[in-house]
């Protein structure tokens, strides 16, 4: 008897365009490793310019995946960044989708190739 259930969606469809972009994925990953991070530290860690990092931070902040906190360290202005709950959840979902893709690829390459 044929199985009438729809085939599961390809894992690539679970990738989030906001998170999956290389720089934004890097930002979320670095922020997941700490409670908060200074703008300059994140910029240097990812090898970005101030403008490039700002552009990506704005997108992530609008998506409510991170929080930008502005203040002072002594008399110097300072910006700190924090991952939100939604940001942590989005990063976990992205990693899960990537793991499914890798698993699927490994399964496909583990089988002997059919001869043409």
PDB file of N, CA and C in Angstrom:
ATOM      1  N   UNK A   1       0.847  -1.179   0.000  1.00  0.00           N
ATOM      2  CA  UNK A   1       0.000   0.000   0.000  1.00  0.00           C
ATOM      3  C   UNK A   1       0.893   1.242   0.000  1.00  0.00           C
ATOM      4  N   UNK A   2       0.677   2.175  -0.938  1.00  0.00           N
ATOM      5  CA  UNK A   2       1.530   3.377  -0.996  1.00  0.00           C
ATOM      6  C   UNK A   2       1.299   4.281   0.203  1.00  0.00           C
ATOM      7  N   UNK A   3       2.363   4.963   0.565  1.00  0.00           N
ATOM      8  CA  UNK A   3       2.309   5.914   1.678  1.00  0.00           C
ATOM      9  C   UNK A   3       1.800   7.250   1.143  1.00  0.00           C
ATOM     10  N   UNK A   4       0.655   7.734   1.641  1.00  0.00           N
ATOM     11  CA  UNK A   4       0.046   8.977   1.149  1.00  0.00           C
ATOM     12  C   UNK A   4       0.546  10.226   1.868  1.00  0.00           C
ATOM     13  N   UNK A   5       1.451  10.041   2.830  1.00  0.00           N
ATOM     14  CA  UNK A   5       1.975  11.213   3.543  1.00  0.00           C
ATOM     15  C   UNK A   5       2.888  12.019   2.628  1.00  0.00           C
ATOM     16  N   UNK A   6       2.811  13.343   2.728  1.00  0.00           N
ATOM     17  CA  UNK A   6       3.712  14.150   1.891  1.00  0.00           C
ATOM     18  C   UNK A   6       5.159  13.957   2.341  1.00  0.00           C
ATOM     19  N   UNK A   7       6.049  14.036   1.382  1.00  0.00           N
ATOM     20  CA  UNK A   7       7.473  13.916   1.701  1.00  0.00           C
ATOM     21  C   UNK A   7       7.870  15.094   2.591  1.00  0.00           C
ATOM     22  N   UNK A   8       8.774  14.861   3.554  1.00  0.00           N
ATOM     23  CA  UNK A   8       9.207  15.974   4.407  1.00  0.00           C
ATOM     24  C   UNK A   8       9.899  17.042   3.558  1.00  0.00           C
ATOM     25  N   UNK A   9       9.739  18.270   3.970  1.00  0.00           N
ATOM     26  CA  UNK A   9      10.365  19.386   3.253  1.00  0.00           C
ATOM     27  C   UNK A   9      11.882  19.239   3.315  1.00  0.00           C
ATOM     28  N   UNK A  10      12.512  19.675   2.282  1.00  0.00           N
ATOM     29  CA  UNK A  10      13.977  19.633   2.239  1.00  0.00           C
ATOM     30  C   UNK A  10      14.520  20.515   3.362  1.00  0.00           C
ATOM     31  N   UNK A  11      15.565  20.062   4.078  1.00  0.00           N
ATOM     32  CA  UNK A  11      16.115  20.857   5.190  1.00  0.00           C
ATOM     33  C   UNK A  11      16.557  22.257   4.778  1.00  0.00           C
ATOM     34  N   UNK A  12      16.919  22.457   3.536  1.00  0.00           N
ATOM     35  CA  UNK A  12      17.348  23.782   3.085  1.00  0.00           C
ATOM     36  C   UNK A  12      16.216  24.800   3.212  1.00  0.00           C
ATOM     37  N   UNK A  13      14.974  24.323   3.166  1.00  0.00           N
ATOM     38  CA  UNK A  13      13.833  25.235   3.284  1.00  0.00           C
ATOM     39  C   UNK A  13      13.680  25.778   4.700  1.00  0.00           C
ATOM     40  N   UNK A  14      14.338  25.151   5.670  1.00  0.00           N
ATOM     41  CA  UNK A  14      14.266  25.609   7.059  1.00  0.00           C
ATOM     42  C   UNK A  14      15.292  26.698   7.364  1.00  0.00           C
ATOM     43  N   UNK A  15      16.203  26.965   6.423  1.00  0.00           N
ATOM     44  CA  UNK A  15      17.205  28.011   6.652  1.00  0.00           C
ATOM     45  C   UNK A  15      16.528  29.375   6.629  1.00  0.00           C
ATOM     46  N   UNK A  16      16.889  30.219   7.580  1.00  0.00           N
ATOM     47  CA  UNK A  16      16.309  31.553   7.725  1.00  0.00           C
ATOM     48  C   UNK A  16      17.212  32.553   7.009  1.00  0.00           C
ATOM     49  N   UNK A  17      16.670  33.264   6.028  1.00  0.00           N
ATOM     50  CA  UNK A  17      17.477  34.205   5.250  1.00  0.00           C
ATOM     51  C   UNK A  17      18.134  35.275   6.120  1.00  0.00           C
ATOM     52  N   UNK A  18      17.466  35.691   7.174  1.00  0.00           N
ATOM     53  CA  UNK A  18      18.038  36.708   8.056  1.00  0.00           C
ATOM     54  C   UNK A  18      19.250  36.166   8.797  1.00  0.00           C
ATOM     55  N   UNK A  19      19.154  34.947   9.273  1.00  0.00           N
ATOM     56  CA  UNK A  19      20.215  34.343  10.081  1.00  0.00           C
ATOM     57  C   UNK A  19      21.302  33.734   9.210  1.00  0.00           C
ATOM     58  N   UNK A  20      20.934  33.164   8.094  1.00  0.00           N
ATOM     59  CA  UNK A  20      21.864  32.352   7.313  1.00  0.00           C
ATOM     60  C   UNK A  20      22.972  33.149   6.635  1.00  0.00           C
ATOM     61  N   UNK A  21      22.774  34.411   6.411  1.00  0.00           N
ATOM     62  CA  UNK A  21      23.808  35.228   5.788  1.00  0.00           C
ATOM     63  C   UNK A  21      25.098  35.102   6.605  1.00  0.00           C
ATOM     64  N   UNK A  22      26.223  34.920   5.945  1.00  0.00           N
ATOM     65  CA  UNK A  22      27.498  34.588   6.589  1.00  0.00           C
ATOM     66  C   UNK A  22      27.860  35.497   7.755  1.00  0.00           C
ATOM     67  N   UNK A  23      27.815  36.811   7.572  1.00  0.00           N
ATOM     68  CA  UNK A  23      28.203  37.739   8.629  1.00  0.00           C
ATOM     69  C   UNK A  23      27.208  37.677   9.787  1.00  0.00           C
ATOM     70  N   UNK A  24      25.915  37.642   9.479  1.00  0.00           N
ATOM     71  CA  UNK A  24      24.914  37.613  10.548  1.00  0.00           C
ATOM     72  C   UNK A  24      24.983  36.309  11.336  1.00  0.00           C
ATOM     73  N   UNK A  25      25.251  35.207  10.663  1.00  0.00           N
ATOM     74  CA  UNK A  25      25.438  33.938  11.374  1.00  0.00           C
ATOM     75  C   UNK A  25      26.647  34.034  12.301  1.00  0.00           C
ATOM     76  N   UNK A  26      27.703  34.677  11.830  1.00  0.00           N
ATOM     77  CA  UNK A  26      28.888  34.892  12.670  1.00  0.00           C
ATOM     78  C   UNK A  26      28.582  35.764  13.872  1.00  0.00           C
ATOM     79  N   UNK A  27      27.821  36.823  13.667  1.00  0.00           N
ATOM     80  CA  UNK A  27      27.454  37.722  14.769  1.00  0.00           C
ATOM     81  C   UNK A  27      26.680  36.951  15.832  1.00  0.00           C
ATOM     82  N   UNK A  28      25.659  36.210  15.410  1.00  0.00           N
ATOM     83  CA  UNK A  28      24.840  35.463  16.368  1.00  0.00           C
ATOM     84  C   UNK A  28      25.662  34.407  17.095  1.00  0.00           C
ATOM     85  N   UNK A  29      26.580  33.789  16.382  1.00  0.00           N
ATOM     86  CA  UNK A  29      27.421  32.757  17.001  1.00  0.00           C
ATOM     87  C   UNK A  29      28.340  33.362  18.060  1.00  0.00           C
ATOM     88  N   UNK A  30      28.989  34.466  17.723  1.00  0.00           N
ATOM     89  CA  UNK A  30      29.873  35.121  18.700  1.00  0.00           C
ATOM     90  C   UNK A  30      29.059  35.564  19.915  1.00  0.00           C
ATOM     91  N   UNK A  31      27.904  36.168  19.685  1.00  0.00           N
ATOM     92  CA  UNK A  31      27.084  36.638  20.809  1.00  0.00           C
ATOM     93  C   UNK A  31      26.545  35.486  21.652  1.00  0.00           C
ATOM     94  N   UNK A  32      26.371  34.318  21.064  1.00  0.00           N
ATOM     95  CA  UNK A  32      25.868  33.169  21.830  1.00  0.00           C
ATOM     96  C   UNK A  32      26.919  32.642  22.811  1.00  0.00           C
ATOM     97  N   UNK A  33      28.164  33.023  22.594  1.00  0.00           N
ATOM     98  CA  UNK A  33      29.261  32.540  23.427  1.00  0.00           C
ATOM     99  C   UNK A  33      29.476  33.383  24.681  1.00  0.00           C
ATOM    100  N   UNK A  34      28.727  34.479  24.810  1.00  0.00           N
ATOM    101  CA  UNK A  34      28.937  35.387  25.930  1.00  0.00           C
ATOM    102  C   UNK A  34      27.631  36.081  26.307  1.00  0.00           C
ATOM    103  N   UNK A  35      27.592  36.660  27.475  1.00  0.00           N
ATOM    104  CA  UNK A  35      26.386  37.383  27.912  1.00  0.00           C
ATOM    105  C   UNK A  35      26.184  38.657  27.103  1.00  0.00           C
ATOM    106  N   UNK A  36      27.270  39.399  26.889  1.00  0.00           N
ATOM    107  CA  UNK A  36      27.228  40.583  26.031  1.00  0.00           C
ATOM    108  C   UNK A  36      28.623  40.809  25.474  1.00  0.00           C
ATOM    109  N   UNK A  37      28.670  41.582  24.400  1.00  0.00           N
ATOM    110  CA  UNK A  37      29.933  41.801  23.701  1.00  0.00           C
ATOM    111  C   UNK A  37      29.998  43.253  23.254  1.00  0.00           C
ATOM    112  N   UNK A  38      31.163  43.840  23.328  1.00  0.00           N
ATOM    113  CA  UNK A  38      31.345  45.205  22.837  1.00  0.00           C
ATOM    114  C   UNK A  38      31.375  45.200  21.313  1.00  0.00           C
ATOM    115  N   UNK A  39      30.866  46.275  20.751  1.00  0.00           N
ATOM    116  CA  UNK A  39      30.856  46.469  19.301  1.00  0.00           C
ATOM    117  C   UNK A  39      32.260  46.250  18.727  1.00  0.00           C
ATOM    118  N   UNK A  40      33.255  46.902  19.320  1.00  0.00           N
ATOM    119  CA  UNK A  40      34.626  46.831  18.794  1.00  0.00           C
ATOM    120  C   UNK A  40      35.172  45.407  18.842  1.00  0.00           C
ATOM    121  N   UNK A  41      34.838  44.672  19.888  1.00  0.00           N
ATOM    122  CA  UNK A  41      35.305  43.287  20.008  1.00  0.00           C
ATOM    123  C   UNK A  41      34.702  42.433  18.902  1.00  0.00           C
ATOM    124  N   UNK A  42      33.405  42.591  18.679  1.00  0.00           N
ATOM    125  CA  UNK A  42      32.714  41.842  17.633  1.00  0.00           C
ATOM    126  C   UNK A  42      33.262  42.209  16.250  1.00  0.00           C
ATOM    127  N   UNK A  43      33.458  43.498  16.021  1.00  0.00           N
ATOM    128  CA  UNK A  43      34.016  43.982  14.751  1.00  0.00           C
ATOM    129  C   UNK A  43      35.367  43.337  14.474  1.00  0.00           C
ATOM    130  N   UNK A  44      36.233  43.339  15.488  1.00  0.00           N
ATOM    131  CA  UNK A  44      37.571  42.789  15.322  1.00  0.00           C
ATOM    132  C   UNK A  44      37.537  41.268  15.164  1.00  0.00           C
ATOM    133  N   UNK A  45      36.688  40.613  15.931  1.00  0.00           N
ATOM    134  CA  UNK A  45      36.570  39.149  15.870  1.00  0.00           C
ATOM    135  C   UNK A  45      36.164  38.676  14.471  1.00  0.00           C
ATOM    136  N   UNK A  46      35.263  39.427  13.834  1.00  0.00           N
ATOM    137  CA  UNK A  46      34.754  39.025  12.521  1.00  0.00           C
ATOM    138  C   UNK A  46      35.458  39.720  11.361  1.00  0.00           C
ATOM    139  N   UNK A  47      36.407  40.624  11.674  1.00  0.00           N
ATOM    140  CA  UNK A  47      37.174  41.300  10.630  1.00  0.00           C
ATOM    141  C   UNK A  47      36.317  42.185   9.740  1.00  0.00           C
ATOM    142  N   UNK A  48      35.423  42.957  10.357  1.00  0.00           N
ATOM    143  CA  UNK A  48      34.499  43.812   9.614  1.00  0.00           C
ATOM    144  C   UNK A  48      34.841  45.279   9.803  1.00  0.00           C
ATOM    145  N   UNK A  49      34.312  46.108   8.919  1.00  0.00           N
ATOM    146  CA  UNK A  49      34.407  47.547   9.119  1.00  0.00           C
ATOM    147  C   UNK A  49      33.243  47.973  10.016  1.00  0.00           C
ATOM    148  N   UNK A  50      33.340  49.150  10.606  1.00  0.00           N
ATOM    149  CA  UNK A  50      32.251  49.665  11.444  1.00  0.00           C
ATOM    150  C   UNK A  50      30.944  49.727  10.654  1.00  0.00           C
ATOM    151  N   UNK A  51      31.008  50.262   9.437  1.00  0.00           N
ATOM    152  CA  UNK A  51      29.802  50.414   8.621  1.00  0.00           C
ATOM    153  C   UNK A  51      29.162  49.086   8.263  1.00  0.00           C
ATOM    154  N   UNK A  52      29.988  48.107   7.890  1.00  0.00           N
ATOM    155  CA  UNK A  52      29.461  46.802   7.525  1.00  0.00           C
ATOM    156  C   UNK A  52      28.807  46.127   8.722  1.00  0.00           C
ATOM    157  N   UNK A  53      29.474  46.169   9.869  1.00  0.00           N
ATOM    158  CA  UNK A  53      28.902  45.571  11.074  1.00  0.00           C
ATOM    159  C   UNK A  53      27.609  46.278  11.455  1.00  0.00           C
ATOM    160  N   UNK A  54      27.593  47.603  11.397  1.00  0.00           N
ATOM    161  CA  UNK A  54      26.382  48.368  11.725  1.00  0.00           C
ATOM    162  C   UNK A  54      25.196  47.951  10.870  1.00  0.00           C
ATOM    163  N   UNK A  55      25.430  47.756   9.580  1.00  0.00           N
ATOM    164  CA  UNK A  55      24.354  47.380   8.659  1.00  0.00           C
ATOM    165  C   UNK A  55      23.740  46.039   9.068  1.00  0.00           C
ATOM    166  N   UNK A  56      24.582  45.068   9.392  1.00  0.00           N
ATOM    167  CA  UNK A  56      24.092  43.747   9.785  1.00  0.00           C
ATOM    168  C   UNK A  56      23.419  43.787  11.162  1.00  0.00           C
ATOM    169  N   UNK A  57      23.970  44.575  12.067  1.00  0.00           N
ATOM    170  CA  UNK A  57      23.365  44.705  13.397  1.00  0.00           C
ATOM    171  C   UNK A  57      21.966  45.297  13.301  1.00  0.00           C
ATOM    172  N   UNK A  58      21.794  46.271  12.421  1.00  0.00           N
ATOM    173  CA  UNK A  58      20.484  46.901  12.242  1.00  0.00           C
ATOM    174  C   UNK A  58      19.445  45.868  11.790  1.00  0.00           C
ATOM    175  N   UNK A  59      19.826  45.008  10.865  1.00  0.00           N
ATOM    176  CA  UNK A  59      18.918  43.961  10.370  1.00  0.00           C
ATOM    177  C   UNK A  59      18.563  42.997  11.493  1.00  0.00           C
ATOM    178  N   UNK A  60      19.559  42.575  12.261  1.00  0.00           N
ATOM    179  CA  UNK A  60      19.311  41.632  13.359  1.00  0.00           C
ATOM    180  C   UNK A  60      18.501  42.282  14.476  1.00  0.00           C
ATOM    181  N   UNK A  61      18.748  43.557  14.721  1.00  0.00           N
ATOM    182  CA  UNK A  61      17.989  44.265  15.759  1.00  0.00           C
ATOM    183  C   UNK A  61      16.526  44.431  15.324  1.00  0.00           C
ATOM    184  N   UNK A  62      16.291  44.762  14.075  1.00  0.00           N
ATOM    185  CA  UNK A  62      14.921  44.899  13.578  1.00  0.00           C
ATOM    186  C   UNK A  62      14.166  43.573  13.643  1.00  0.00           C
ATOM    187  N   UNK A  63      14.884  42.476  13.476  1.00  0.00           N
ATOM    188  CA  UNK A  63      14.280  41.145  13.582  1.00  0.00           C
ATOM    189  C   UNK A  63      14.161  40.697  15.038  1.00  0.00           C
ATOM    190  N   UNK A  64      14.599  41.550  15.965  1.00  0.00           N
ATOM    191  CA  UNK A  64      14.561  41.295  17.406  1.00  0.00           C
ATOM    192  C   UNK A  64      15.404  40.085  17.817  1.00  0.00           C
ATOM    193  N   UNK A  65      16.506  39.871  17.092  1.00  0.00           N
ATOM    194  CA  UNK A  65      17.403  38.765  17.407  1.00  0.00           C
ATOM    195  C   UNK A  65      18.551  39.203  18.311  1.00  0.00           C
ATOM    196  N   UNK A  66      18.776  40.502  18.392  1.00  0.00           N
ATOM    197  CA  UNK A  66      19.779  41.009  19.324  1.00  0.00           C
ATOM    198  C   UNK A  66      19.339  42.372  19.837  1.00  0.00           C
ATOM    199  N   UNK A  67      19.999  42.771  20.895  1.00  0.00           N
ATOM    200  CA  UNK A  67      19.707  44.060  21.531  1.00  0.00           C
ATOM    201  C   UNK A  67      20.974  44.899  21.533  1.00  0.00           C
ATOM    202  N   UNK A  68      20.838  46.160  21.172  1.00  0.00           N
ATOM    203  CA  UNK A  68      21.961  47.102  21.162  1.00  0.00           C
ATOM    204  C   UNK A  68      21.805  48.016  22.365  1.00  0.00           C
ATOM    205  N   UNK A  69      22.854  48.085  23.192  1.00  0.00           N
ATOM    206  CA  UNK A  69      22.830  48.912  24.391  1.00  0.00           C
ATOM    207  C   UNK A  69      23.944  49.952  24.271  1.00  0.00           C
ATOM    208  N   UNK A  70      23.569  51.216  24.278  1.00  0.00           N
ATOM    209  CA  UNK A  70      24.560  52.288  24.166  1.00  0.00           C
ATOM    210  C   UNK A  70      24.759  52.929  25.535  1.00  0.00           C
ATOM    211  N   UNK A  71      25.985  53.245  25.834  1.00  0.00           N
ATOM    212  CA  UNK A  71      26.305  53.869  27.110  1.00  0.00           C
ATOM    213  C   UNK A  71      27.722  54.399  27.081  1.00  0.00           C
ATOM    214  N   UNK A  72      28.300  54.493  28.240  1.00  0.00           N
ATOM    215  CA  UNK A  72      29.655  55.022  28.369  1.00  0.00           C
ATOM    216  C   UNK A  72      30.495  54.098  29.225  1.00  0.00           C
ATOM    217  N   UNK A  73      31.760  54.046  28.874  1.00  0.00           N
ATOM    218  CA  UNK A  73      32.776  53.414  29.700  1.00  0.00           C
ATOM    219  C   UNK A  73      33.696  54.550  30.101  1.00  0.00           C
ATOM    220  N   UNK A  74      33.534  54.992  31.337  1.00  0.00           N
ATOM    221  CA  UNK A  74      34.213  56.225  31.731  1.00  0.00           C
ATOM    222  C   UNK A  74      33.590  57.362  30.952  1.00  0.00           C
ATOM    223  N   UNK A  75      34.400  58.086  30.209  1.00  0.00           N
ATOM    224  CA  UNK A  75      33.880  59.198  29.398  1.00  0.00           C
ATOM    225  C   UNK A  75      33.732  58.829  27.929  1.00  0.00           C
ATOM    226  N   UNK A  76      34.063  57.599  27.599  1.00  0.00           N
ATOM    227  CA  UNK A  76      34.024  57.180  26.191  1.00  0.00           C
ATOM    228  C   UNK A  76      32.711  56.476  25.874  1.00  0.00           C
ATOM    229  N   UNK A  77      32.083  56.835  24.752  1.00  0.00           N
ATOM    230  CA  UNK A  77      30.869  56.124  24.340  1.00  0.00           C
ATOM    231  C   UNK A  77      31.204  54.663  24.039  1.00  0.00           C
ATOM    232  N   UNK A  78      30.286  53.780  24.347  1.00  0.00           N
ATOM    233  CA  UNK A  78      30.503  52.355  24.126  1.00  0.00           C
ATOM    234  C   UNK A  78      29.166  51.708  23.738  1.00  0.00           C
ATOM    235  N   UNK A  79      29.234  50.730  22.873  1.00  0.00           N
ATOM    236  CA  UNK A  79      28.052  49.985  22.455  1.00  0.00           C
ATOM    237  C   UNK A  79      28.258  48.522  22.807  1.00  0.00           C
ATOM    238  N   UNK A  80      27.268  47.964  23.504  1.00  0.00           N
ATOM    239  CA  UNK A  80      27.284  46.547  23.857  1.00  0.00           C
ATOM    240  C   UNK A  80      26.159  45.861  23.100  1.00  0.00           C
ATOM    241  N   UNK A  81      26.362  44.590  22.823  1.00  0.00           N
ATOM    242  CA  UNK A  81      25.380  43.813  22.072  1.00  0.00           C
ATOM    243  C   UNK A  81      25.035  42.560  22.861  1.00  0.00           C
ATOM    244  N   UNK A  82      23.745  42.225  22.842  1.00  0.00           N
ATOM    245  CA  UNK A  82      23.258  41.031  23.541  1.00  0.00           C
ATOM    246  C   UNK A  82      22.323  40.254  22.643  1.00  0.00           C
ATOM    247  N   UNK A  83      22.444  38.950  22.684  1.00  0.00           N
ATOM    248  CA  UNK A  83      21.522  38.085  21.974  1.00  0.00           C
ATOM    249  C   UNK A  83      20.212  38.019  22.758  1.00  0.00           C
ATOM    250  N   UNK A  84      19.091  38.091  22.076  1.00  0.00           N
ATOM    251  CA  UNK A  84      17.785  37.958  22.733  1.00  0.00           C
ATOM    252  C   UNK A  84      17.388  36.479  22.770  1.00  0.00           C
ATOM    253  N   UNK A  85      16.308  36.177  23.486  1.00  0.00           N
ATOM    254  CA  UNK A  85      15.786  34.800  23.479  1.00  0.00           C
ATOM    255  C   UNK A  85      15.459  34.365  22.058  1.00  0.00           C
ATOM    256  N   UNK A  86      14.824  35.290  21.306  1.00  0.00           N
ATOM    257  CA  UNK A  86      14.481  34.975  19.921  1.00  0.00           C
ATOM    258  C   UNK A  86      15.747  34.716  19.097  1.00  0.00           C
ATOM    259  N   UNK A  87      16.805  35.458  19.395  1.00  0.00           N
ATOM    260  CA  UNK A  87      18.069  35.265  18.698  1.00  0.00           C
ATOM    261  C   UNK A  87      18.672  33.903  18.981  1.00  0.00           C
ATOM    262  N   UNK A  88      18.630  33.502  20.241  1.00  0.00           N
ATOM    263  CA  UNK A  88      19.141  32.166  20.595  1.00  0.00           C
ATOM    264  C   UNK A  88      18.325  31.077  19.920  1.00  0.00           C
ATOM    265  N   UNK A  89      17.007  31.243  19.918  1.00  0.00           N
ATOM    266  CA  UNK A  89      16.127  30.248  19.286  1.00  0.00           C
ATOM    267  C   UNK A  89      16.384  30.188  17.779  1.00  0.00           C
ATOM    268  N   UNK A  90      16.553  31.350  17.147  1.00  0.00           N
ATOM    269  CA  UNK A  90      16.811  31.391  15.702  1.00  0.00           C
ATOM    270  C   UNK A  90      18.150  30.726  15.374  1.00  0.00           C
ATOM    271  N   UNK A  91      19.157  30.961  16.195  1.00  0.00           N
ATOM    272  CA  UNK A  91      20.455  30.335  15.975  1.00  0.00           C
ATOM    273  C   UNK A  91      20.360  28.827  16.142  1.00  0.00           C
ATOM    274  N   UNK A  92      19.651  28.375  17.179  1.00  0.00           N
ATOM    275  CA  UNK A  92      19.466  26.920  17.378  1.00  0.00           C
ATOM    276  C   UNK A  92      18.747  26.295  16.183  1.00  0.00           C
ATOM    277  N   UNK A  93      17.709  26.954  15.684  1.00  0.00           N
ATOM    278  CA  UNK A  93      16.958  26.436  14.537  1.00  0.00           C
ATOM    279  C   UNK A  93      17.844  26.370  13.289  1.00  0.00           C
ATOM    280  N   UNK A  94      18.666  27.392  13.103  1.00  0.00           N
ATOM    281  CA  UNK A  94      19.572  27.419  11.952  1.00  0.00           C
ATOM    282  C   UNK A  94      20.577  26.281  12.019  1.00  0.00           C
ATOM    283  N   UNK A  95      21.151  26.074  13.193  1.00  0.00           N
ATOM    284  CA  UNK A  95      22.120  24.992  13.376  1.00  0.00           C
ATOM    285  C   UNK A  95      21.447  23.636  13.162  1.00  0.00           C
ATOM    286  N   UNK A  96      20.222  23.472  13.654  1.00  0.00           N
ATOM    287  CA  UNK A  96      19.494  22.212  13.462  1.00  0.00           C
ATOM    288  C   UNK A  96      19.262  21.953  11.968  1.00  0.00           C
ATOM    289  N   UNK A  97      18.880  22.981  11.222  1.00  0.00           N
ATOM    290  CA  UNK A  97      18.662  22.820   9.780  1.00  0.00           C
ATOM    291  C   UNK A  97      19.969  22.459   9.078  1.00  0.00           C
ATOM    292  N   UNK A  98      21.066  23.106   9.476  1.00  0.00           N
ATOM    293  CA  UNK A  98      22.367  22.791   8.880  1.00  0.00           C
ATOM    294  C   UNK A  98      22.793  21.361   9.213  1.00  0.00           C
ATOM    295  N   UNK A  99      22.521  20.928  10.445  1.00  0.00           N
ATOM    296  CA  UNK A  99      22.843  19.550  10.829  1.00  0.00           C
ATOM    297  C   UNK A  99      22.041  18.549  10.003  1.00  0.00           C
ATOM    298  N   UNK A 100      20.768  18.857   9.734  1.00  0.00           N
ATOM    299  CA  UNK A 100      19.953  17.980   8.891  1.00  0.00           C
ATOM    300  C   UNK A 100      20.509  17.919   7.474  1.00  0.00           C
ATOM    301  N   UNK A 101      20.948  19.054   6.965  1.00  0.00           N
ATOM    302  CA  UNK A 101      21.549  19.067   5.624  1.00  0.00           C
ATOM    303  C   UNK A 101      22.815  18.216   5.576  1.00  0.00           C
ATOM    304  N   UNK A 102      23.662  18.363   6.573  1.00  0.00           N
ATOM    305  CA  UNK A 102      24.904  17.592   6.627  1.00  0.00           C
ATOM    306  C   UNK A 102      24.592  16.105   6.747  1.00  0.00           C
ATOM    307  N   UNK A 103      23.640  15.761   7.591  1.00  0.00           N
ATOM    308  CA  UNK A 103      23.248  14.362   7.766  1.00  0.00           C
ATOM    309  C   UNK A 103      22.735  13.777   6.454  1.00  0.00           C
ATOM    310  N   UNK A 104      21.910  14.545   5.777  1.00  0.00           N
ATOM    311  CA  UNK A 104      21.354  14.090   4.496  1.00  0.00           C
ATOM    312  C   UNK A 104      22.470  13.891   3.478  1.00  0.00           C
ATOM    313  N   UNK A 105      23.417  14.818   3.431  1.00  0.00           N
ATOM    314  CA  UNK A 105      24.538  14.706   2.505  1.00  0.00           C
ATOM    315  C   UNK A 105      25.396  13.493   2.833  1.00  0.00           C
ATOM    316  N   UNK A 106      25.666  13.280   4.114  1.00  0.00           N
ATOM    317  CA  UNK A 106      26.474  12.116   4.508  1.00  0.00           C
ATOM    318  C   UNK A 106      25.779  10.816   4.137  1.00  0.00           C
ATOM    319  N   UNK A 107      24.480  10.768   4.330  1.00  0.00           N
ATOM    320  CA  UNK A 107      23.716   9.561   3.964  1.00  0.00           C
ATOM    321  C   UNK A 107      23.799   9.302   2.465  1.00  0.00           C
ATOM    322  N   UNK A 108      23.681  10.363   1.692  1.00  0.00           N
ATOM    323  CA  UNK A 108      23.716  10.224   0.242  1.00  0.00           C
ATOM    324  C   UNK A 108      25.095   9.800  -0.252  1.00  0.00           C
ATOM    325  N   UNK A 109      26.150  10.304   0.364  1.00  0.00           N
ATOM    326  CA  UNK A 109      27.497   9.969  -0.096  1.00  0.00           C
ATOM    327  C   UNK A 109      27.996   8.656   0.492  1.00  0.00           C
ATOM    328  N   UNK A 110      27.316   8.132   1.519  1.00  0.00           N
ATOM    329  CA  UNK A 110      27.723   6.870   2.120  1.00  0.00           C
ATOM    330  C   UNK A 110      27.250   5.686   1.266  1.00  0.00           C
ATOM    331  N   UNK A 111      26.197   5.883   0.491  1.00  0.00           N
ATOM    332  CA  UNK A 111      25.684   4.820  -0.367  1.00  0.00           C
ATOM    333  C   UNK A 111      26.565   4.715  -1.602  1.00  0.00           C
ATOM    334  N   UNK A 112      26.818   3.491  -2.058  1.00  0.00           N
ATOM    335  CA  UNK A 112      27.620   3.356  -3.286  1.00  0.00           C
ATOM    336  C   UNK A 112      26.870   3.977  -4.467  1.00  0.00           C
ATOM    337  N   UNK A 113      27.627   4.638  -5.321  1.00  0.00           N
ATOM    338  CA  UNK A 113      26.999   5.288  -6.473  1.00  0.00           C
ATOM    339  C   UNK A 113      26.539   4.246  -7.472  1.00  0.00           C
ATOM    340  N   UNK A 114      25.365   4.474  -8.025  1.00  0.00           N
ATOM    341  CA  UNK A 114      24.834   3.578  -9.037  1.00  0.00           C
ATOM    342  C   UNK A 114      25.593   3.805 -10.332  1.00  0.00           C
ATOM    343  N   UNK A 115      25.866   2.729 -11.029  1.00  0.00           N
ATOM    344  CA  UNK A 115      26.578   2.851 -12.303  1.00  0.00           C
ATOM    345  C   UNK A 115      25.613   3.276 -13.382  1.00  0.00           C
ATOM    346  N   UNK A 116      26.066   4.123 -14.271  1.00  0.00           N
ATOM    347  CA  UNK A 116      25.215   4.608 -15.360  1.00  0.00           C
ATOM    348  C   UNK A 116      25.147   3.620 -16.476  1.00  0.00           C
TER     349      UNK A 116
END
